[in-house]
Amino acid sequence: MERQELLLTIEKALSEVLERPISGLTEETALFDELQLTSIAVLGMLMSVEEATGISVDPEGLDIDDLRTLGSFADYVEAAIRAEGAGDAGGGVDGGGPASTGSAGSTAGVGGAGDTAGAADAGRAGEGAS
């Protein structure tokens, strides 16, 4: 992906998560100060950029400096694309992404299935006692 195409992809992601038109940004545009990006908007932007570029980003692997400006975030995404293209996860870039924010829910779902099976076994045990 060319740099200009990547910058436009990030602009589009920002427009989606901020629910307003975003265009004409420069690489020096401060994401938090100038666009009032919130932590929830960052997660939405990450998911959108992941989908558009095919990378997987671990939000915990991001440094605040990676998100200071449009250019610094584009640098991060380019590095992630190169790392995944080389088959290297790049320190967890391929490990979780925004899906990791829902991993507690996934774990609860697995536990919930086990609990349901346990409840069914208890119900059967109760049937024999009747």
N, C-alpha and C. Protein backbone atom coordinates (compact mmCIF):
# COMPACT_ATOMS: atom_id res chain seq x y z
N MET A 1 0.86 -1.17 0.00
CA MET A 1 0.00 0.00 0.00
C MET A 1 0.90 1.23 0.00
N GLU A 2 0.63 2.14 -0.93
CA GLU A 2 1.39 3.39 -1.01
C GLU A 2 1.06 4.28 0.20
N ARG A 3 2.01 5.14 0.53
CA ARG A 3 1.85 6.02 1.71
C ARG A 3 0.58 6.87 1.59
N GLN A 4 0.36 7.51 0.44
CA GLN A 4 -0.81 8.38 0.29
C GLN A 4 -2.10 7.58 0.43
N GLU A 5 -2.12 6.37 -0.11
CA GLU A 5 -3.31 5.51 0.02
C GLU A 5 -3.55 5.16 1.48
N LEU A 6 -2.47 4.89 2.21
CA LEU A 6 -2.59 4.57 3.64
C LEU A 6 -3.14 5.78 4.41
N LEU A 7 -2.64 6.98 4.11
CA LEU A 7 -3.12 8.18 4.79
C LEU A 7 -4.61 8.39 4.53
N LEU A 8 -5.04 8.14 3.30
CA LEU A 8 -6.47 8.27 2.97
C LEU A 8 -7.29 7.19 3.69
N THR A 9 -6.74 5.99 3.83
CA THR A 9 -7.42 4.92 4.56
C THR A 9 -7.62 5.32 6.02
N ILE A 10 -6.59 5.91 6.61
CA ILE A 10 -6.69 6.36 8.01
C ILE A 10 -7.70 7.51 8.12
N GLU A 11 -7.68 8.44 7.18
CA GLU A 11 -8.66 9.53 7.18
C GLU A 11 -10.08 8.97 7.12
N LYS A 12 -10.29 7.98 6.26
CA LYS A 12 -11.62 7.37 6.14
C LYS A 12 -12.02 6.71 7.46
N ALA A 13 -11.09 6.01 8.09
CA ALA A 13 -11.36 5.37 9.38
C ALA A 13 -11.72 6.42 10.43
N LEU A 14 -11.00 7.53 10.43
CA LEU A 14 -11.29 8.61 11.37
C LEU A 14 -12.67 9.20 11.13
N SER A 15 -13.04 9.37 9.86
CA SER A 15 -14.38 9.89 9.53
C SER A 15 -15.46 8.97 10.07
N GLU A 16 -15.23 7.66 9.95
CA GLU A 16 -16.22 6.69 10.42
C GLU A 16 -16.37 6.74 11.93
N VAL A 17 -15.25 6.71 12.65
CA VAL A 17 -15.34 6.64 14.12
C VAL A 17 -15.73 7.97 14.75
N LEU A 18 -15.35 9.07 14.12
CA LEU A 18 -15.70 10.38 14.68
C LEU A 18 -17.05 10.86 14.17
N GLU A 19 -17.62 10.12 13.22
CA GLU A 19 -18.93 10.41 12.66
C GLU A 19 -19.04 11.84 12.14
N ARG A 20 -17.98 12.27 11.45
CA ARG A 20 -17.97 13.56 10.78
C ARG A 20 -16.92 13.49 9.67
N PRO A 21 -17.10 14.30 8.65
CA PRO A 21 -16.13 14.27 7.54
C PRO A 21 -14.75 14.71 8.00
N ILE A 22 -13.76 13.90 7.67
CA ILE A 22 -12.37 14.23 7.98
C ILE A 22 -11.61 14.17 6.66
N SER A 23 -11.00 15.27 6.27
CA SER A 23 -10.22 15.27 5.04
C SER A 23 -9.17 16.37 5.11
N GLY A 24 -8.21 16.26 4.22
CA GLY A 24 -7.18 17.29 4.13
C GLY A 24 -6.20 17.29 5.28
N LEU A 25 -6.08 16.18 6.00
CA LEU A 25 -5.14 16.11 7.11
C LEU A 25 -3.71 16.05 6.58
N THR A 26 -2.79 16.53 7.38
CA THR A 26 -1.37 16.39 7.04
C THR A 26 -0.76 15.35 7.98
N GLU A 27 0.44 14.93 7.65
CA GLU A 27 1.10 13.96 8.52
C GLU A 27 1.37 14.52 9.91
N GLU A 28 1.37 15.84 10.03
CA GLU A 28 1.61 16.48 11.33
C GLU A 28 0.33 16.67 12.15
N THR A 29 -0.82 16.31 11.61
CA THR A 29 -2.08 16.48 12.33
C THR A 29 -2.04 15.67 13.62
N ALA A 30 -2.26 16.35 14.74
CA ALA A 30 -2.26 15.70 16.06
C ALA A 30 -3.61 15.02 16.27
N LEU A 31 -3.58 13.69 16.40
CA LEU A 31 -4.83 12.93 16.49
C LEU A 31 -5.64 13.28 17.73
N PHE A 32 -5.00 13.40 18.87
CA PHE A 32 -5.74 13.68 20.10
C PHE A 32 -6.05 15.17 20.25
N ASP A 33 -5.05 16.02 20.02
CA ASP A 33 -5.23 17.45 20.25
C ASP A 33 -6.13 18.10 19.21
N GLU A 34 -5.89 17.83 17.94
CA GLU A 34 -6.64 18.50 16.87
C GLU A 34 -7.96 17.82 16.55
N LEU A 35 -8.01 16.50 16.65
CA LEU A 35 -9.24 15.78 16.28
C LEU A 35 -10.05 15.32 17.48
N GLN A 36 -9.55 15.56 18.69
CA GLN A 36 -10.21 15.15 19.93
C GLN A 36 -10.53 13.64 19.92
N LEU A 37 -9.56 12.85 19.47
CA LEU A 37 -9.71 11.40 19.43
C LEU A 37 -9.79 10.86 20.85
N THR A 38 -10.75 9.99 21.12
CA THR A 38 -10.89 9.35 22.43
C THR A 38 -10.32 7.94 22.36
N SER A 39 -10.18 7.29 23.49
CA SER A 39 -9.65 5.93 23.50
C SER A 39 -10.60 4.97 22.77
N ILE A 40 -11.89 5.19 22.89
CA ILE A 40 -12.85 4.34 22.18
C ILE A 40 -12.74 4.59 20.68
N ALA A 41 -12.56 5.85 20.28
CA ALA A 41 -12.38 6.15 18.86
C ALA A 41 -11.10 5.51 18.32
N VAL A 42 -10.05 5.45 19.15
CA VAL A 42 -8.80 4.80 18.73
C VAL A 42 -9.07 3.33 18.42
N LEU A 43 -9.82 2.65 19.28
CA LEU A 43 -10.12 1.23 19.03
C LEU A 43 -10.92 1.06 17.74
N GLY A 44 -11.88 1.94 17.52
CA GLY A 44 -12.65 1.88 16.28
C GLY A 44 -11.77 2.12 15.06
N MET A 45 -10.87 3.10 15.18
CA MET A 45 -9.96 3.39 14.08
C MET A 45 -9.05 2.20 13.81
N LEU A 46 -8.55 1.58 14.87
CA LEU A 46 -7.69 0.40 14.71
C LEU A 46 -8.43 -0.72 13.98
N MET A 47 -9.67 -0.98 14.38
CA MET A 47 -10.43 -2.05 13.73
C MET A 47 -10.65 -1.74 12.25
N SER A 48 -10.96 -0.50 11.94
CA SER A 48 -11.20 -0.10 10.55
C SER A 48 -9.92 -0.22 9.73
N VAL A 49 -8.80 0.22 10.28
CA VAL A 49 -7.52 0.15 9.57
C VAL A 49 -7.09 -1.32 9.42
N GLU A 50 -7.34 -2.13 10.45
CA GLU A 50 -7.04 -3.56 10.34
C GLU A 50 -7.79 -4.18 9.17
N GLU A 51 -9.06 -3.88 9.08
CA GLU A 51 -9.91 -4.44 8.02
C GLU A 51 -9.43 -3.98 6.65
N ALA A 52 -9.06 -2.72 6.53
CA ALA A 52 -8.66 -2.16 5.25
C ALA A 52 -7.29 -2.63 4.79
N THR A 53 -6.40 -2.91 5.76
CA THR A 53 -5.02 -3.26 5.39
C THR A 53 -4.70 -4.74 5.56
N GLY A 54 -5.54 -5.46 6.29
CA GLY A 54 -5.29 -6.88 6.51
C GLY A 54 -4.32 -7.17 7.64
N ILE A 55 -3.97 -6.15 8.42
CA ILE A 55 -3.08 -6.39 9.56
C ILE A 55 -3.90 -6.65 10.81
N SER A 56 -3.22 -7.10 11.84
CA SER A 56 -3.85 -7.28 13.14
C SER A 56 -3.01 -6.53 14.16
N VAL A 57 -3.64 -5.62 14.89
CA VAL A 57 -2.92 -4.75 15.82
C VAL A 57 -3.30 -5.10 17.24
N ASP A 58 -2.30 -5.28 18.09
CA ASP A 58 -2.54 -5.46 19.52
C ASP A 58 -2.52 -4.07 20.15
N PRO A 59 -3.66 -3.55 20.61
CA PRO A 59 -3.68 -2.20 21.17
C PRO A 59 -2.71 -2.01 22.33
N GLU A 60 -2.44 -3.08 23.05
CA GLU A 60 -1.52 -2.97 24.17
C GLU A 60 -0.08 -2.83 23.70
N GLY A 61 0.18 -3.20 22.45
CA GLY A 61 1.51 -3.06 21.88
C GLY A 61 1.77 -1.67 21.32
N LEU A 62 0.74 -0.83 21.29
CA LEU A 62 0.88 0.54 20.80
C LEU A 62 1.47 1.44 21.87
N ASP A 63 2.31 2.34 21.44
CA ASP A 63 2.85 3.36 22.33
C ASP A 63 2.12 4.67 22.02
N ILE A 64 1.98 5.53 22.99
CA ILE A 64 1.28 6.80 22.76
C ILE A 64 1.93 7.57 21.62
N ASP A 65 3.24 7.44 21.45
CA ASP A 65 3.93 8.13 20.37
C ASP A 65 3.47 7.64 19.00
N ASP A 66 3.02 6.38 18.91
CA ASP A 66 2.50 5.84 17.65
C ASP A 66 1.20 6.51 17.24
N LEU A 67 0.54 7.15 18.19
CA LEU A 67 -0.77 7.76 17.93
C LEU A 67 -0.76 9.28 18.04
N ARG A 68 0.41 9.88 18.18
CA ARG A 68 0.47 11.34 18.34
C ARG A 68 -0.02 12.08 17.10
N THR A 69 0.45 11.64 15.94
CA THR A 69 0.09 12.33 14.69
C THR A 69 -0.37 11.31 13.66
N LEU A 70 -0.98 11.82 12.61
CA LEU A 70 -1.38 10.95 11.50
C LEU A 70 -0.15 10.25 10.93
N GLY A 71 0.94 10.97 10.79
CA GLY A 71 2.17 10.40 10.25
C GLY A 71 2.77 9.32 11.13
N SER A 72 2.76 9.52 12.45
CA SER A 72 3.34 8.51 13.34
C SER A 72 2.48 7.25 13.34
N PHE A 73 1.17 7.40 13.22
CA PHE A 73 0.31 6.22 13.14
C PHE A 73 0.50 5.51 11.80
N ALA A 74 0.65 6.28 10.73
CA ALA A 74 0.91 5.68 9.41
C ALA A 74 2.24 4.91 9.44
N ASP A 75 3.26 5.46 10.13
CA ASP A 75 4.54 4.75 10.26
C ASP A 75 4.33 3.41 10.97
N TYR A 76 3.53 3.41 12.03
CA TYR A 76 3.25 2.19 12.78
C TYR A 76 2.56 1.16 11.89
N VAL A 77 1.54 1.60 11.14
CA VAL A 77 0.80 0.69 10.27
C VAL A 77 1.71 0.13 9.18
N GLU A 78 2.54 0.98 8.59
CA GLU A 78 3.48 0.51 7.56
C GLU A 78 4.41 -0.55 8.13
N ALA A 79 4.92 -0.33 9.35
CA ALA A 79 5.80 -1.31 9.98
C ALA A 79 5.06 -2.63 10.23
N ALA A 80 3.80 -2.53 10.62
CA ALA A 80 2.99 -3.74 10.86
C ALA A 80 2.75 -4.49 9.56
N ILE A 81 2.51 -3.75 8.48
CA ILE A 81 2.30 -4.39 7.18
C ILE A 81 3.58 -5.11 6.75
N ARG A 82 4.72 -4.45 6.92
CA ARG A 82 6.01 -5.08 6.57
C ARG A 82 6.25 -6.31 7.42
N ALA A 83 5.98 -6.21 8.73
CA ALA A 83 6.22 -7.32 9.64
C ALA A 83 5.36 -8.52 9.28
N GLU A 84 4.10 -8.28 8.99
CA GLU A 84 3.20 -9.38 8.64
C GLU A 84 3.52 -9.93 7.26
N GLY A 85 3.99 -9.07 6.37
CA GLY A 85 4.39 -9.52 5.05
C GLY A 85 5.61 -10.42 5.11
N ALA A 86 6.47 -10.17 6.10
CA ALA A 86 7.67 -10.98 6.28
C ALA A 86 7.39 -12.22 7.12
N GLY A 87 6.15 -12.38 7.57
CA GLY A 87 5.79 -13.53 8.40
C GLY A 87 6.17 -13.35 9.85
N ASP A 88 6.56 -12.14 10.23
CA ASP A 88 6.93 -11.85 11.61
C ASP A 88 5.78 -11.10 12.26
N ALA A 89 5.33 -11.58 13.41
CA ALA A 89 4.21 -10.95 14.09
C ALA A 89 4.59 -9.59 14.67
N GLY A 90 5.85 -9.28 14.78
CA GLY A 90 6.28 -7.96 15.24
C GLY A 90 5.88 -7.66 16.66
N GLY A 91 6.19 -8.53 17.59
CA GLY A 91 5.92 -8.27 18.99
C GLY A 91 4.45 -8.27 19.33
N GLY A 92 3.71 -9.19 18.79
CA GLY A 92 2.30 -9.32 19.15
C GLY A 92 1.36 -8.60 18.21
N VAL A 93 1.87 -8.06 17.13
CA VAL A 93 1.00 -7.37 16.19
C VAL A 93 -0.07 -8.32 15.68
N ASP A 94 0.28 -9.59 15.51
CA ASP A 94 -0.65 -10.58 14.99
C ASP A 94 -1.42 -11.29 16.10
N GLY A 95 -1.14 -10.96 17.35
CA GLY A 95 -1.64 -11.76 18.45
C GLY A 95 -3.05 -11.50 18.91
N GLY A 96 -3.56 -10.31 18.84
CA GLY A 96 -4.87 -10.15 19.45
C GLY A 96 -5.70 -9.09 18.79
N GLY A 97 -5.14 -7.92 18.61
CA GLY A 97 -5.89 -6.83 18.02
C GLY A 97 -7.08 -6.46 18.89
N PRO A 98 -7.98 -5.70 18.34
CA PRO A 98 -9.15 -5.27 19.09
C PRO A 98 -9.98 -6.43 19.60
N ALA A 99 -9.84 -7.61 18.96
CA ALA A 99 -10.56 -8.76 19.47
C ALA A 99 -10.11 -9.10 20.88
N SER A 100 -8.85 -8.72 21.20
CA SER A 100 -8.37 -9.02 22.54
C SER A 100 -9.13 -8.23 23.60
N THR A 101 -9.73 -7.11 23.21
CA THR A 101 -10.52 -6.34 24.17
C THR A 101 -11.77 -7.11 24.55
N GLY A 102 -12.17 -8.05 23.72
CA GLY A 102 -13.35 -8.85 24.01
C GLY A 102 -13.00 -10.23 24.50
N SER A 103 -11.71 -10.47 24.76
CA SER A 103 -11.33 -11.82 25.15
C SER A 103 -11.94 -12.24 26.48
N ALA A 104 -12.14 -11.28 27.38
CA ALA A 104 -12.77 -11.64 28.64
C ALA A 104 -14.18 -12.16 28.38
N GLY A 105 -14.87 -11.53 27.43
CA GLY A 105 -16.20 -11.99 27.06
C GLY A 105 -16.14 -13.37 26.45
N SER A 106 -15.11 -13.62 25.63
CA SER A 106 -14.97 -14.93 25.02
C SER A 106 -14.72 -15.99 26.09
N THR A 107 -13.85 -15.66 27.03
CA THR A 107 -13.55 -16.59 28.09
C THR A 107 -14.81 -16.88 28.91
N ALA A 108 -15.57 -15.83 29.18
CA ALA A 108 -16.80 -16.03 29.94
C ALA A 108 -17.75 -16.93 29.16
N GLY A 109 -17.77 -16.76 27.84
CA GLY A 109 -18.63 -17.60 27.01
C GLY A 109 -18.23 -19.05 27.10
N VAL A 110 -16.93 -19.31 27.11
CA VAL A 110 -16.46 -20.69 27.23
C VAL A 110 -16.85 -21.23 28.59
N GLY A 111 -16.61 -20.43 29.63
CA GLY A 111 -16.98 -20.88 30.98
C GLY A 111 -18.48 -21.07 31.09
N GLY A 112 -19.21 -20.18 30.42
CA GLY A 112 -20.67 -20.28 30.46
C GLY A 112 -21.14 -21.58 29.85
N ALA A 113 -20.49 -22.03 28.77
CA ALA A 113 -20.88 -23.29 28.14
C ALA A 113 -20.63 -24.44 29.10
N GLY A 114 -19.49 -24.37 29.80
CA GLY A 114 -19.18 -25.42 30.77
C GLY A 114 -20.19 -25.42 31.91
N ASP A 115 -20.57 -24.21 32.34
CA ASP A 115 -21.55 -24.10 33.42
C ASP A 115 -22.89 -24.67 32.99
N THR A 116 -23.27 -24.44 31.74
CA THR A 116 -24.54 -24.96 31.23
C THR A 116 -24.51 -26.48 31.24
N ALA A 117 -23.38 -27.05 30.79
CA ALA A 117 -23.27 -28.51 30.78
C ALA A 117 -23.35 -29.04 32.21
N GLY A 118 -22.69 -28.32 33.13
CA GLY A 118 -22.74 -28.74 34.53
C GLY A 118 -24.16 -28.68 35.07
N ALA A 119 -24.91 -27.65 34.70
CA ALA A 119 -26.30 -27.51 35.15
C ALA A 119 -27.15 -28.64 34.58
N ALA A 120 -26.88 -29.01 33.32
CA ALA A 120 -27.63 -30.11 32.71
C ALA A 120 -27.35 -31.41 33.45
N ASP A 121 -26.07 -31.64 33.80
CA ASP A 121 -25.72 -32.86 34.55
C ASP A 121 -26.41 -32.86 35.90
N ALA A 122 -26.45 -31.70 36.55
CA ALA A 122 -27.12 -31.61 37.86
C ALA A 122 -28.59 -31.88 37.71
N GLY A 123 -29.18 -31.39 36.61
CA GLY A 123 -30.61 -31.63 36.37
C GLY A 123 -30.88 -33.12 36.18
N ARG A 124 -30.00 -33.80 35.45
CA ARG A 124 -30.17 -35.24 35.26
C ARG A 124 -30.03 -36.00 36.57
N ALA A 125 -29.10 -35.54 37.38
CA ALA A 125 -28.91 -36.18 38.67
C ALA A 125 -30.17 -36.01 39.52
N GLY A 126 -30.79 -34.84 39.43
CA GLY A 126 -32.01 -34.56 40.17
C GLY A 126 -33.17 -35.41 39.66
N GLU A 127 -33.18 -35.76 38.36
CA GLU A 127 -34.25 -36.56 37.80
C GLU A 127 -34.27 -37.95 38.42
N GLY A 128 -33.07 -38.51 38.65
CA GLY A 128 -32.98 -39.85 39.24
C GLY A 128 -33.44 -39.85 40.69
N ALA A 129 -33.27 -38.71 41.36
CA ALA A 129 -33.63 -38.64 42.77
C ALA A 129 -35.14 -38.49 42.96
N SER A 130 -35.87 -38.08 41.94
CA SER A 130 -37.30 -37.83 42.08
C SER A 130 -38.04 -39.08 42.36
